[in-house]
Amino acid sequence: MNSRTPAVASAPGSAAQPVDVRLMGDDRAVRALVAALQQSAACGPATYKPMRDSHGTRAYLSVIVPVGPAPAT
């Protein structure tokens, strides 16, 4: 069963691409990072799950990555 959030659609005519992200760590830290990403970037809602060892949280979300200059090599 896949309960991950569907990817956020990119703007029509743009070459920006959605990237699926998984965050793992302390519950408060993960939720704070997701909130910051949602305020500053085009992100879908997050799906939260306990980590397998139950000592933290996993979050799944999609982020739209804008097209920028090619990275220097």
C-alpha atoms as a PDB file:
ATOM      1  CA  MET A   1       0.000   0.000   0.000  1.00  0.00           C
ATOM      2  CA  ASN A   2       1.423   3.383  -1.015  1.00  0.00           C
ATOM      3  CA  SER A   3       0.029   6.271   1.008  1.00  0.00           C
ATOM      4  CA  ARG A   4       2.550   8.835  -0.158  1.00  0.00           C
ATOM      5  CA  THR A   5       1.324  12.232  -1.273  1.00  0.00           C
ATOM      6  CA  PRO A   6       1.063  12.607  -5.061  1.00  0.00           C
ATOM      7  CA  ALA A   7       3.592  14.885  -6.709  1.00  0.00           C
ATOM      8  CA  VAL A   8       2.804  18.595  -6.912  1.00  0.00           C
ATOM      9  CA  ALA A   9       2.097  19.660 -10.478  1.00  0.00           C
ATOM     10  CA  SER A  10       4.603  22.050 -12.018  1.00  0.00           C
ATOM     11  CA  ALA A  11       3.444  25.264 -13.639  1.00  0.00           C
ATOM     12  CA  PRO A  12       2.197  24.855 -17.228  1.00  0.00           C
ATOM     13  CA  GLY A  13       4.934  25.506 -19.773  1.00  0.00           C
ATOM     14  CA  SER A  14       7.732  25.343 -17.204  1.00  0.00           C
ATOM     15  CA  ALA A  15      10.501  22.793 -17.165  1.00  0.00           C
ATOM     16  CA  ALA A  16      10.488  22.596 -13.368  1.00  0.00           C
ATOM     17  CA  GLN A  17      10.272  19.047 -12.102  1.00  0.00           C
ATOM     18  CA  PRO A  18       8.773  17.564  -8.940  1.00  0.00           C
ATOM     19  CA  VAL A  19      11.190  15.700  -6.672  1.00  0.00           C
ATOM     20  CA  ASP A  20       9.904  13.212  -4.093  1.00  0.00           C
ATOM     21  CA  VAL A  21      11.602  13.745  -0.729  1.00  0.00           C
ATOM     22  CA  ARG A  22      11.805  11.532   2.360  1.00  0.00           C
ATOM     23  CA  LEU A  23      12.901  13.122   5.617  1.00  0.00           C
ATOM     24  CA  MET A  24      13.802  11.117   8.711  1.00  0.00           C
ATOM     25  CA  GLY A  25      14.603  12.312  12.203  1.00  0.00           C
ATOM     26  CA  ASP A  26      13.253  13.733  15.443  1.00  0.00           C
ATOM     27  CA  ASP A  27       9.516  14.405  15.135  1.00  0.00           C
ATOM     28  CA  ARG A  28       9.692  18.131  15.968  1.00  0.00           C
ATOM     29  CA  ALA A  29      12.681  18.713  13.683  1.00  0.00           C
ATOM     30  CA  VAL A  30      11.067  16.886  10.735  1.00  0.00           C
ATOM     31  CA  ARG A  31       7.775  18.760  11.132  1.00  0.00           C
ATOM     32  CA  ALA A  32       9.592  22.115  11.450  1.00  0.00           C
ATOM     33  CA  LEU A  33      11.588  21.440   8.278  1.00  0.00           C
ATOM     34  CA  VAL A  34       8.454  20.411   6.354  1.00  0.00           C
ATOM     35  CA  ALA A  35       6.679  23.597   7.509  1.00  0.00           C
ATOM     36  CA  ALA A  36       9.669  25.725   6.400  1.00  0.00           C
ATOM     37  CA  LEU A  37       9.777  23.994   2.998  1.00  0.00           C
ATOM     38  CA  GLN A  38       6.036  24.467   2.505  1.00  0.00           C
ATOM     39  CA  GLN A  39       6.357  28.196   3.246  1.00  0.00           C
ATOM     40  CA  SER A  40       9.357  28.806   0.995  1.00  0.00           C
ATOM     41  CA  ALA A  41       8.894  26.374  -1.909  1.00  0.00           C
ATOM     42  CA  ALA A  42       6.188  24.749  -4.006  1.00  0.00           C
ATOM     43  CA  CYS A  43       5.545  21.657  -1.878  1.00  0.00           C
ATOM     44  CA  GLY A  44       2.662  19.309  -1.547  1.00  0.00           C
ATOM     45  CA  PRO A  45       1.277  18.283   1.830  1.00  0.00           C
ATOM     46  CA  ALA A  46       3.448  15.869   3.783  1.00  0.00           C
ATOM     47  CA  THR A  47       2.600  12.353   4.884  1.00  0.00           C
ATOM     48  CA  TYR A  48       4.036  11.525   8.309  1.00  0.00           C
ATOM     49  CA  LYS A  49       4.825   8.026   9.586  1.00  0.00           C
ATOM     50  CA  PRO A  50       6.740   6.772  12.609  1.00  0.00           C
ATOM     51  CA  MET A  51      10.261   5.561  11.889  1.00  0.00           C
ATOM     52  CA  ARG A  52      10.668   1.798  11.857  1.00  0.00           C
ATOM     53  CA  ASP A  53      12.352   1.814  15.266  1.00  0.00           C
ATOM     54  CA  SER A  54       9.626   4.186  16.596  1.00  0.00           C
ATOM     55  CA  HIS A  55      12.234   6.772  17.644  1.00  0.00           C
ATOM     56  CA  GLY A  56      11.358   9.588  15.277  1.00  0.00           C
ATOM     57  CA  THR A  57       9.283  10.454  12.235  1.00  0.00           C
ATOM     58  CA  ARG A  58       9.472   9.917   8.494  1.00  0.00           C
ATOM     59  CA  ALA A  59       7.882  12.524   6.238  1.00  0.00           C
ATOM     60  CA  TYR A  60       7.196  12.153   2.522  1.00  0.00           C
ATOM     61  CA  LEU A  61       6.468  15.134   0.281  1.00  0.00           C
ATOM     62  CA  SER A  62       7.053  16.438  -3.230  1.00  0.00           C
ATOM     63  CA  VAL A  63       8.989  19.620  -3.969  1.00  0.00           C
ATOM     64  CA  ILE A  64       8.995  21.478  -7.284  1.00  0.00           C
ATOM     65  CA  VAL A  65      12.598  22.246  -8.218  1.00  0.00           C
ATOM     66  CA  PRO A  66      12.819  25.355 -10.413  1.00  0.00           C
ATOM     67  CA  VAL A  67      14.970  25.313 -13.505  1.00  0.00           C
ATOM     68  CA  GLY A  68      18.185  27.161 -12.875  1.00  0.00           C
ATOM     69  CA  PRO A  69      21.609  27.474 -14.420  1.00  0.00           C
ATOM     70  CA  ALA A  70      23.516  24.264 -15.019  1.00  0.00           C
ATOM     71  CA  PRO A  71      25.740  23.333 -12.062  1.00  0.00           C
ATOM     72  CA  ALA A  72      29.439  24.058 -12.451  1.00  0.00           C
ATOM     73  CA  THR A  73      31.614  21.042 -13.029  1.00  0.00           C
END
